[in-house]
Amino acid sequence: MAASSLTRTKLFWVAILYFAEGFPFGLLFDAFPVYFRTQNVSLTDIGLLSLAGLPWTLKFLWAPLVDTWGKRKTWVAVCQALLAVDLVLFLVLQPTQTSVTLWLLLVALAVFSATQDIAIDAYTIEVLDEDEIGPANGIRVSAYRVALIGAGGVFVAVAGLIGWQFAFAAAAGLLAFFAVLTTRAPETAVVRPVRESWQATLHQAVVSPLQSFWQRSGVLYVMLFVLIFKLGDMALGPMVRPFWVDRHFTPLQIGAVPGTIGVVCTISGALLGGNLAKSWGLFKALWVLGIAQAVSNLAYAAAAALPPSSAMMYGASIIESFCGGLGTAPFLAFMMRICDKTQAATQYALLSALFGLTRSLSGAVSGVMTQHVGYATYFAATFFLAWPAFLLLPWVRRWCEAKEDTRG
């Protein structure tokens, strides 16, 4: 009974921490584009906002620092407190145009959030027993997704009701509450060994796990596939919410549809995509679901080309979100499959960083392109950006088959 109670306590903290992990990410990528567009910030500057997300891509570089110094929950609590302070400072700005101060606050938000992610992931690994990992994974994914709904849906909708300033103040208060709450999280019993020098740790954490990749034929093609498979999807994303604003939808409507229903559709698509990948096999799923992912972008292209219609906008959001989830499931499964089990954590983190680079770089140019060619043409172009990845699937198939041979 005591063991069951202890497990429930751990799972409760997993839910709390992963909600806190997802909330700042949702603010930066889902809520801020809506806010900036309502303040008449240009599409070019909103697109450049994606570059502020680079710390999530590069966080593996300072992960060894979090791994070797201080307590996990101390890192988490401090980062959450700094996130709250960051939002409070943001309240005093009038971001009708970008400034150095605004960019510093946005980059700081991303750095604090990415560092929090490192510490939360490590804390979760340390605090859980082996038989608790399965239930914890389901809870952490669900809590993270709920946080995205909270930041990109509920937060935006609330801002439409009470105003952006009050909404940001409430978000800062929530993060401050999490900082206090985290100090009450259970301690972990893991004693971490003393590491070698920073250079040796970095070599062990980054260079060594990549060597098994470089020794295999076709590695550059596979890495390029990881980089561009979601390119069309990632290029579309930063301009979706500004498009809703420019179509004169209210923050309440944006929060309810792409911010809430859209996330639910993404989750549903990912669950179905995972089952289809299991039934069809990974290679077929990457083909078929990848095509569905690409074609779904045309729903937004049609919504932009045709006269404004609520039904068309709602349909485009549902189709694109659901198909994006379909394509994500086999793609993530592929990244997991090609990792060596003995170095899976580091290799997967590095692959995720490569995938995250796509989001940052494609998002950075999305605003410039949309500003020049318009929403309809740009959304149609993202459909074509998805296709070069399919040319690389023969090398992907060889890697998958080679992995199956080694298992057999």
Protein backbone atom coordinates (compact mmCIF):
# COMPACT_ATOMS: atom_id res chain seq x y z
CA MET A 1 0.00 0.00 0.00
CA ALA A 2 2.84 2.30 0.93
CA ALA A 3 4.59 1.49 -2.33
CA SER A 4 1.42 2.28 -4.29
CA SER A 5 1.04 5.58 -2.46
CA LEU A 6 4.67 6.45 -3.20
CA THR A 7 4.15 5.67 -6.88
CA ARG A 8 1.07 7.89 -7.02
CA THR A 9 3.08 10.69 -5.43
CA LYS A 10 5.82 10.33 -8.03
CA LEU A 11 3.31 10.31 -10.89
CA PHE A 12 1.65 13.42 -9.46
CA TRP A 13 4.97 15.25 -9.59
CA VAL A 14 5.65 13.98 -13.10
CA ALA A 15 2.34 15.52 -14.21
CA ILE A 16 3.07 18.83 -12.47
CA LEU A 17 6.60 19.13 -13.84
CA TYR A 18 5.75 18.24 -17.42
CA PHE A 19 2.87 20.69 -17.46
CA ALA A 20 5.37 23.31 -16.28
CA GLU A 21 7.76 22.15 -19.03
CA GLY A 22 5.23 22.47 -21.85
CA PHE A 23 3.67 25.79 -20.81
CA PRO A 24 6.56 28.16 -21.72
CA PHE A 25 7.09 26.35 -25.03
CA GLY A 26 3.42 26.85 -25.88
CA LEU A 27 3.63 30.52 -24.94
CA LEU A 28 6.55 31.20 -27.25
CA PHE A 29 5.38 29.26 -30.30
CA ASP A 30 1.58 29.43 -30.02
CA ALA A 31 0.55 32.43 -27.94
CA PHE A 32 3.20 35.03 -28.79
CA PRO A 33 2.56 34.94 -32.58
CA VAL A 34 -1.11 35.73 -31.93
CA TYR A 35 -0.22 38.50 -29.48
CA PHE A 36 2.37 40.10 -31.74
CA ARG A 37 0.09 40.06 -34.77
CA THR A 38 -2.73 41.70 -32.79
CA GLN A 39 -0.17 44.41 -31.94
CA ASN A 40 0.57 44.88 -35.68
CA VAL A 41 4.05 43.36 -35.53
CA SER A 42 5.13 42.46 -39.08
CA LEU A 43 5.04 38.91 -40.39
CA THR A 44 8.78 39.12 -40.98
CA ASP A 45 9.46 39.77 -37.30
CA ILE A 46 6.98 37.10 -36.21
CA GLY A 47 8.76 34.59 -38.43
CA LEU A 48 12.10 35.55 -36.89
CA LEU A 49 10.59 34.67 -33.53
CA SER A 50 11.39 31.05 -34.43
CA LEU A 51 15.09 31.81 -33.98
CA ALA A 52 14.39 32.53 -30.31
CA GLY A 53 13.60 28.82 -30.05
CA LEU A 54 17.16 27.76 -30.90
CA PRO A 55 18.00 27.09 -27.21
CA TRP A 56 15.69 24.07 -27.34
CA THR A 57 17.70 22.81 -30.30
CA LEU A 58 21.08 23.46 -28.69
CA LYS A 59 20.28 22.52 -25.09
CA PHE A 60 22.39 19.36 -25.29
CA LEU A 61 25.46 21.63 -25.29
CA TRP A 62 24.92 22.76 -21.69
CA ALA A 63 23.14 19.62 -20.47
CA PRO A 64 26.43 18.33 -18.97
CA LEU A 65 26.51 21.44 -16.75
CA VAL A 66 23.06 20.62 -15.37
CA ASP A 67 24.17 17.01 -15.07
CA THR A 68 27.22 17.75 -12.95
CA TRP A 69 26.31 20.71 -10.71
CA GLY A 70 23.51 21.29 -8.24
CA LYS A 71 20.27 19.48 -7.49
CA ARG A 72 17.77 18.74 -10.23
CA LYS A 73 14.81 20.36 -8.53
CA THR A 74 16.88 23.43 -7.65
CA TRP A 75 17.59 23.94 -11.35
CA VAL A 76 13.88 23.52 -12.10
CA ALA A 77 12.67 25.92 -9.40
CA VAL A 78 15.21 28.62 -10.27
CA CYS A 79 14.39 28.41 -13.98
CA GLN A 80 10.66 28.65 -13.25
CA ALA A 81 11.23 31.70 -11.07
CA LEU A 82 13.30 33.32 -13.80
CA LEU A 83 10.58 32.54 -16.34
CA ALA A 84 8.07 34.35 -14.12
CA VAL A 85 10.39 37.36 -13.83
CA ASP A 86 10.89 37.32 -17.61
CA LEU A 87 7.14 37.57 -18.22
CA VAL A 88 6.79 40.36 -15.67
CA LEU A 89 9.49 42.35 -17.48
CA PHE A 90 7.72 41.63 -20.76
CA LEU A 91 4.60 43.32 -19.38
CA VAL A 92 6.29 46.74 -19.33
CA LEU A 93 7.15 46.62 -23.05
CA GLN A 94 5.00 47.92 -25.88
CA PRO A 95 5.99 45.45 -28.63
CA THR A 96 4.49 47.28 -31.60
CA GLN A 97 7.97 46.87 -33.04
CA THR A 98 10.84 44.58 -32.20
CA SER A 99 13.72 45.85 -30.09
CA VAL A 100 16.93 44.51 -28.62
CA THR A 101 15.29 44.35 -25.18
CA LEU A 102 12.35 42.38 -26.53
CA TRP A 103 14.64 39.89 -28.25
CA LEU A 104 16.73 39.47 -25.12
CA LEU A 105 13.61 38.67 -23.10
CA LEU A 106 12.40 36.16 -25.69
CA VAL A 107 15.77 34.41 -25.94
CA ALA A 108 16.06 34.39 -22.14
CA LEU A 109 12.61 32.80 -21.90
CA ALA A 110 13.73 30.06 -24.29
CA VAL A 111 17.03 29.50 -22.44
CA PHE A 112 15.35 29.25 -19.03
CA SER A 113 12.68 26.94 -20.43
CA ALA A 114 15.13 24.68 -22.26
CA THR A 115 17.31 24.43 -19.15
CA GLN A 116 14.24 23.58 -17.11
CA ASP A 117 13.49 20.80 -19.61
CA ILE A 118 16.95 19.29 -19.13
CA ALA A 119 16.57 19.26 -15.36
CA ILE A 120 12.99 17.92 -15.40
CA ASP A 121 13.91 15.07 -17.75
CA ALA A 122 16.88 14.14 -15.56
CA TYR A 123 14.85 14.44 -12.34
CA THR A 124 12.14 12.16 -13.75
CA ILE A 125 14.67 9.51 -14.77
CA GLU A 126 16.22 9.59 -11.30
CA VAL A 127 13.04 9.57 -9.22
CA LEU A 128 11.21 6.75 -11.05
CA ASP A 129 11.67 3.03 -10.50
CA GLU A 130 11.80 0.81 -13.57
CA ASP A 131 8.21 -0.44 -13.21
CA GLU A 132 6.98 3.16 -12.97
CA ILE A 133 8.45 4.35 -16.26
CA GLY A 134 5.60 3.07 -18.45
CA PRO A 135 2.76 4.83 -16.59
CA ALA A 136 4.96 7.92 -16.15
CA ASN A 137 5.57 8.20 -19.90
CA GLY A 138 1.84 8.30 -20.59
CA ILE A 139 1.33 10.93 -17.91
CA ARG A 140 4.21 13.15 -18.97
CA VAL A 141 3.15 13.18 -22.63
CA SER A 142 -0.45 13.94 -21.64
CA ALA A 143 0.58 16.68 -19.19
CA TYR A 144 2.83 18.30 -21.80
CA ARG A 145 0.02 18.30 -24.36
CA VAL A 146 -2.42 19.74 -21.82
CA ALA A 147 0.13 22.50 -21.19
CA LEU A 148 0.21 23.29 -24.91
CA ILE A 149 -3.57 23.57 -24.86
CA GLY A 150 -3.27 25.77 -21.79
CA ALA A 151 -0.71 28.11 -23.39
CA GLY A 152 -1.86 28.13 -27.00
CA GLY A 153 -5.57 27.70 -26.34
CA VAL A 154 -6.82 28.71 -22.90
CA PHE A 155 -4.27 31.51 -22.43
CA VAL A 156 -5.09 33.07 -25.82
CA ALA A 157 -8.84 32.72 -25.21
CA VAL A 158 -8.54 34.29 -21.75
CA ALA A 159 -6.52 37.15 -23.23
CA GLY A 160 -9.43 37.79 -25.55
CA LEU A 161 -11.73 38.08 -22.55
CA ILE A 162 -9.66 40.01 -19.98
CA GLY A 163 -6.88 41.56 -22.09
CA TRP A 164 -3.31 40.53 -22.87
CA GLN A 165 -1.70 42.36 -19.95
CA PHE A 166 -3.83 40.57 -17.37
CA ALA A 167 -3.31 37.25 -19.17
CA PHE A 168 0.49 37.66 -19.09
CA ALA A 169 0.32 38.63 -15.42
CA ALA A 170 -1.68 35.46 -14.72
CA ALA A 171 0.87 33.36 -16.64
CA ALA A 172 3.72 34.89 -14.64
CA GLY A 173 1.84 34.13 -11.45
CA LEU A 174 1.32 30.52 -12.54
CA LEU A 175 5.04 30.06 -13.22
CA ALA A 176 5.91 31.64 -9.86
CA PHE A 177 3.49 29.21 -8.20
CA PHE A 178 5.24 26.30 -9.93
CA ALA A 179 8.61 27.58 -8.70
CA VAL A 180 7.38 27.50 -5.10
CA LEU A 181 5.63 24.16 -5.58
CA THR A 182 8.72 22.52 -7.09
CA THR A 183 10.70 23.13 -3.90
CA ARG A 184 8.38 20.60 -2.24
CA ALA A 185 9.08 17.86 -4.79
CA PRO A 186 10.63 14.65 -3.37
CA GLU A 187 14.39 14.40 -3.31
CA THR A 188 16.06 11.77 -5.46
CA ALA A 189 18.34 9.16 -3.93
CA VAL A 190 20.73 9.01 -6.88
CA VAL A 191 24.34 9.96 -6.17
CA ARG A 192 25.89 11.25 -9.36
CA PRO A 193 29.56 10.46 -9.99
CA VAL A 194 32.10 13.23 -10.27
CA ARG A 195 32.67 14.00 -13.92
CA GLU A 196 35.90 14.68 -15.73
CA SER A 197 36.67 18.00 -17.34
CA TRP A 198 34.04 19.89 -19.36
CA GLN A 199 35.84 19.02 -22.58
CA ALA A 200 35.93 15.30 -21.76
CA THR A 201 32.28 15.32 -20.72
CA LEU A 202 31.27 17.10 -23.92
CA HIS A 203 33.23 14.61 -26.00
CA GLN A 204 31.59 11.69 -24.23
CA ALA A 205 28.14 13.23 -24.43
CA VAL A 206 28.20 14.47 -28.04
CA VAL A 207 31.07 13.19 -30.17
CA SER A 208 31.28 9.55 -29.10
CA PRO A 209 27.58 8.68 -29.61
CA LEU A 210 27.74 10.08 -33.16
CA GLN A 211 30.62 7.84 -34.20
CA SER A 212 28.35 4.83 -34.69
CA PHE A 213 26.26 6.93 -37.08
CA TRP A 214 29.22 8.18 -39.13
CA GLN A 215 30.54 4.65 -39.60
CA ARG A 216 27.41 3.55 -41.48
CA SER A 217 26.90 4.11 -45.20
CA GLY A 218 24.27 6.62 -46.21
CA VAL A 219 24.51 8.56 -42.96
CA LEU A 220 24.38 11.97 -44.65
CA TYR A 221 21.21 11.04 -46.53
CA VAL A 222 19.53 9.83 -43.35
CA MET A 223 20.55 12.91 -41.39
CA LEU A 224 19.24 15.06 -44.22
CA PHE A 225 15.97 13.11 -44.08
CA VAL A 226 15.66 13.87 -40.36
CA LEU A 227 16.29 17.52 -41.15
CA ILE A 228 13.70 17.93 -43.92
CA PHE A 229 10.92 15.33 -43.40
CA LYS A 230 8.86 17.83 -41.38
CA LEU A 231 10.09 20.86 -43.35
CA GLY A 232 6.75 21.63 -44.99
CA ASP A 233 4.93 21.26 -41.67
CA MET A 234 7.46 23.38 -39.77
CA ALA A 235 7.48 26.09 -42.45
CA LEU A 236 3.70 26.36 -42.30
CA GLY A 237 3.35 26.49 -38.52
CA PRO A 238 4.67 29.98 -37.63
CA MET A 239 2.29 31.69 -40.06
CA VAL A 240 -0.89 29.83 -39.10
CA ARG A 241 -1.87 31.94 -36.11
CA PRO A 242 -0.99 35.30 -37.72
CA PHE A 243 -3.19 34.15 -40.62
CA TRP A 244 -6.07 33.63 -38.21
CA VAL A 245 -5.54 37.12 -36.81
CA ASP A 246 -5.46 38.65 -40.29
CA ARG A 247 -8.69 36.80 -41.11
CA HIS A 248 -10.19 38.80 -38.23
CA PHE A 249 -10.77 35.93 -35.84
CA THR A 250 -10.76 36.92 -32.17
CA PRO A 251 -8.24 35.58 -29.64
CA LEU A 252 -11.13 33.62 -28.11
CA GLN A 253 -11.80 31.87 -31.43
CA ILE A 254 -8.10 31.28 -32.07
CA GLY A 255 -7.64 29.84 -28.60
CA ALA A 256 -10.64 27.55 -29.04
CA VAL A 257 -9.93 26.21 -32.53
CA PRO A 258 -6.22 25.95 -33.52
CA GLY A 259 -5.12 26.36 -29.91
CA THR A 260 -7.36 23.67 -28.38
CA ILE A 261 -9.24 21.60 -30.96
CA GLY A 262 -6.15 21.61 -33.18
CA VAL A 263 -3.94 20.15 -30.42
CA VAL A 264 -6.54 17.48 -29.67
CA CYS A 265 -6.59 16.59 -33.39
CA THR A 266 -2.78 16.40 -33.42
CA ILE A 267 -2.84 13.97 -30.49
CA SER A 268 -5.53 11.88 -32.19
CA GLY A 269 -3.55 11.81 -35.42
CA ALA A 270 -0.38 10.78 -33.61
CA LEU A 271 -2.16 7.92 -31.83
CA LEU A 272 -3.65 6.65 -35.10
CA GLY A 273 -0.33 7.15 -36.90
CA GLY A 274 1.47 5.07 -34.29
CA ASN A 275 -1.00 2.21 -34.73
CA LEU A 276 -0.77 2.39 -38.52
CA ALA A 277 3.04 2.36 -38.38
CA LYS A 278 2.83 -0.81 -36.30
CA SER A 279 0.35 -2.45 -38.72
CA TRP A 280 1.88 -1.33 -42.02
CA GLY A 281 5.53 -1.23 -41.12
CA LEU A 282 7.63 1.88 -40.65
CA PHE A 283 8.69 2.40 -44.28
CA LYS A 284 5.14 2.31 -45.69
CA ALA A 285 3.90 4.56 -42.88
CA LEU A 286 6.58 7.16 -43.65
CA TRP A 287 5.46 7.16 -47.29
CA VAL A 288 1.70 7.22 -46.88
CA LEU A 289 1.38 9.32 -43.74
CA GLY A 290 4.13 11.65 -44.95
CA ILE A 291 2.10 12.30 -48.10
CA ALA A 292 -1.01 12.97 -46.00
CA GLN A 293 1.02 15.40 -43.90
CA ALA A 294 2.17 17.27 -47.02
CA VAL A 295 -1.24 17.38 -48.72
CA SER A 296 -2.91 18.75 -45.59
CA ASN A 297 -1.03 22.04 -46.03
CA LEU A 298 -3.13 22.67 -49.12
CA ALA A 299 -6.17 23.04 -46.85
CA TYR A 300 -4.68 26.28 -45.52
CA ALA A 301 -3.65 27.31 -49.04
CA ALA A 302 -7.29 26.91 -50.11
CA ALA A 303 -8.52 28.82 -47.05
CA ALA A 304 -6.19 31.69 -47.96
CA ALA A 305 -7.08 31.71 -51.67
CA LEU A 306 -10.85 31.57 -51.25
CA PRO A 307 -13.11 34.24 -49.71
CA PRO A 308 -13.00 34.29 -45.87
CA SER A 309 -15.07 31.48 -44.38
CA SER A 310 -15.27 30.24 -40.80
CA ALA A 311 -16.11 26.72 -41.97
CA MET A 312 -13.07 26.70 -44.28
CA MET A 313 -10.75 27.94 -41.51
CA TYR A 314 -12.04 25.42 -38.99
CA GLY A 315 -11.74 22.62 -41.53
CA ALA A 316 -8.20 23.64 -42.48
CA SER A 317 -7.14 23.65 -38.82
CA ILE A 318 -8.60 20.22 -38.14
CA ILE A 319 -7.20 18.63 -41.31
CA GLU A 320 -3.69 20.10 -40.96
CA SER A 321 -3.44 19.31 -37.25
CA PHE A 322 -4.69 15.73 -37.61
CA CYS A 323 -2.47 14.95 -40.60
CA GLY A 324 0.51 16.60 -38.91
CA GLY A 325 0.04 14.15 -36.05
CA LEU A 326 -0.23 11.26 -38.52
CA GLY A 327 3.15 12.14 -40.04
CA THR A 328 4.85 12.77 -36.71
CA ALA A 329 4.23 9.28 -35.30
CA PRO A 330 6.27 7.22 -37.84
CA PHE A 331 8.92 9.94 -38.02
CA LEU A 332 9.58 9.82 -34.27
CA ALA A 333 9.47 6.02 -34.40
CA PHE A 334 12.14 6.10 -37.12
CA MET A 335 14.40 8.33 -35.03
CA MET A 336 14.02 5.95 -32.09
CA ARG A 337 14.72 2.89 -34.25
CA ILE A 338 18.03 4.09 -35.66
CA CYS A 339 19.45 4.86 -32.21
CA ASP A 340 21.87 2.46 -30.54
CA LYS A 341 20.26 1.19 -27.32
CA THR A 342 23.49 1.69 -25.38
CA GLN A 343 23.59 5.39 -26.33
CA ALA A 344 19.92 5.97 -27.07
CA ALA A 345 19.37 9.00 -24.85
CA THR A 346 22.21 11.04 -26.30
CA GLN A 347 21.71 9.96 -29.90
CA TYR A 348 17.97 10.68 -29.77
CA ALA A 349 18.63 14.08 -28.19
CA LEU A 350 21.03 14.93 -31.01
CA LEU A 351 18.54 13.78 -33.66
CA SER A 352 15.87 15.85 -31.96
CA ALA A 353 18.22 18.83 -32.06
CA LEU A 354 18.61 18.35 -35.82
CA PHE A 355 14.84 18.16 -36.18
CA GLY A 356 14.45 21.27 -34.00
CA LEU A 357 16.85 23.14 -36.25
CA THR A 358 14.31 22.72 -39.06
CA ARG A 359 11.67 24.49 -36.98
CA SER A 360 13.94 27.41 -36.17
CA LEU A 361 15.41 27.99 -39.63
CA SER A 362 12.24 27.46 -41.66
CA GLY A 363 10.26 29.59 -39.24
CA ALA A 364 12.79 32.39 -39.49
CA VAL A 365 12.20 32.83 -43.23
CA SER A 366 8.46 32.10 -43.15
CA GLY A 367 7.49 35.68 -42.31
CA VAL A 368 9.72 37.20 -45.00
CA MET A 369 8.28 34.91 -47.65
CA THR A 370 4.66 35.41 -46.57
CA GLN A 371 5.16 39.16 -46.45
CA HIS A 372 6.30 39.12 -50.09
CA VAL A 373 4.07 36.50 -51.74
CA GLY A 374 1.00 36.36 -49.52
CA TYR A 375 -0.53 33.60 -47.44
CA ALA A 376 -2.06 31.55 -50.26
CA THR A 377 1.15 31.29 -52.31
CA TYR A 378 3.32 30.64 -49.26
CA PHE A 379 1.04 27.93 -47.86
CA ALA A 380 1.01 26.24 -51.29
CA ALA A 381 4.82 26.43 -51.38
CA THR A 382 5.06 24.55 -48.07
CA PHE A 383 3.34 21.62 -49.79
CA PHE A 384 6.24 21.38 -52.25
CA LEU A 385 8.84 21.77 -49.49
CA ALA A 386 7.70 18.43 -48.09
CA TRP A 387 8.55 16.37 -51.18
CA PRO A 388 12.38 16.32 -51.30
CA ALA A 389 12.38 14.11 -48.19
CA PHE A 390 10.68 11.31 -50.13
CA LEU A 391 13.66 11.10 -52.47
CA LEU A 392 15.73 10.00 -49.46
CA LEU A 393 13.43 7.16 -48.40
CA PRO A 394 15.50 4.42 -50.16
CA TRP A 395 18.39 5.14 -47.75
CA VAL A 396 15.94 5.28 -44.86
CA ARG A 397 14.64 1.85 -45.83
CA ARG A 398 18.15 0.39 -45.86
CA TRP A 399 18.80 1.74 -42.36
CA CYS A 400 15.53 0.27 -41.09
CA GLU A 401 16.25 -3.10 -42.69
CA ALA A 402 19.81 -3.10 -41.35
CA LYS A 403 18.48 -2.41 -37.86
CA GLU A 404 16.03 -5.31 -38.19
CA ASP A 405 18.90 -7.59 -39.33
CA THR A 406 21.00 -6.70 -36.27
CA ARG A 407 18.04 -7.44 -34.01
CA GLY A 408 17.40 -10.72 -35.71
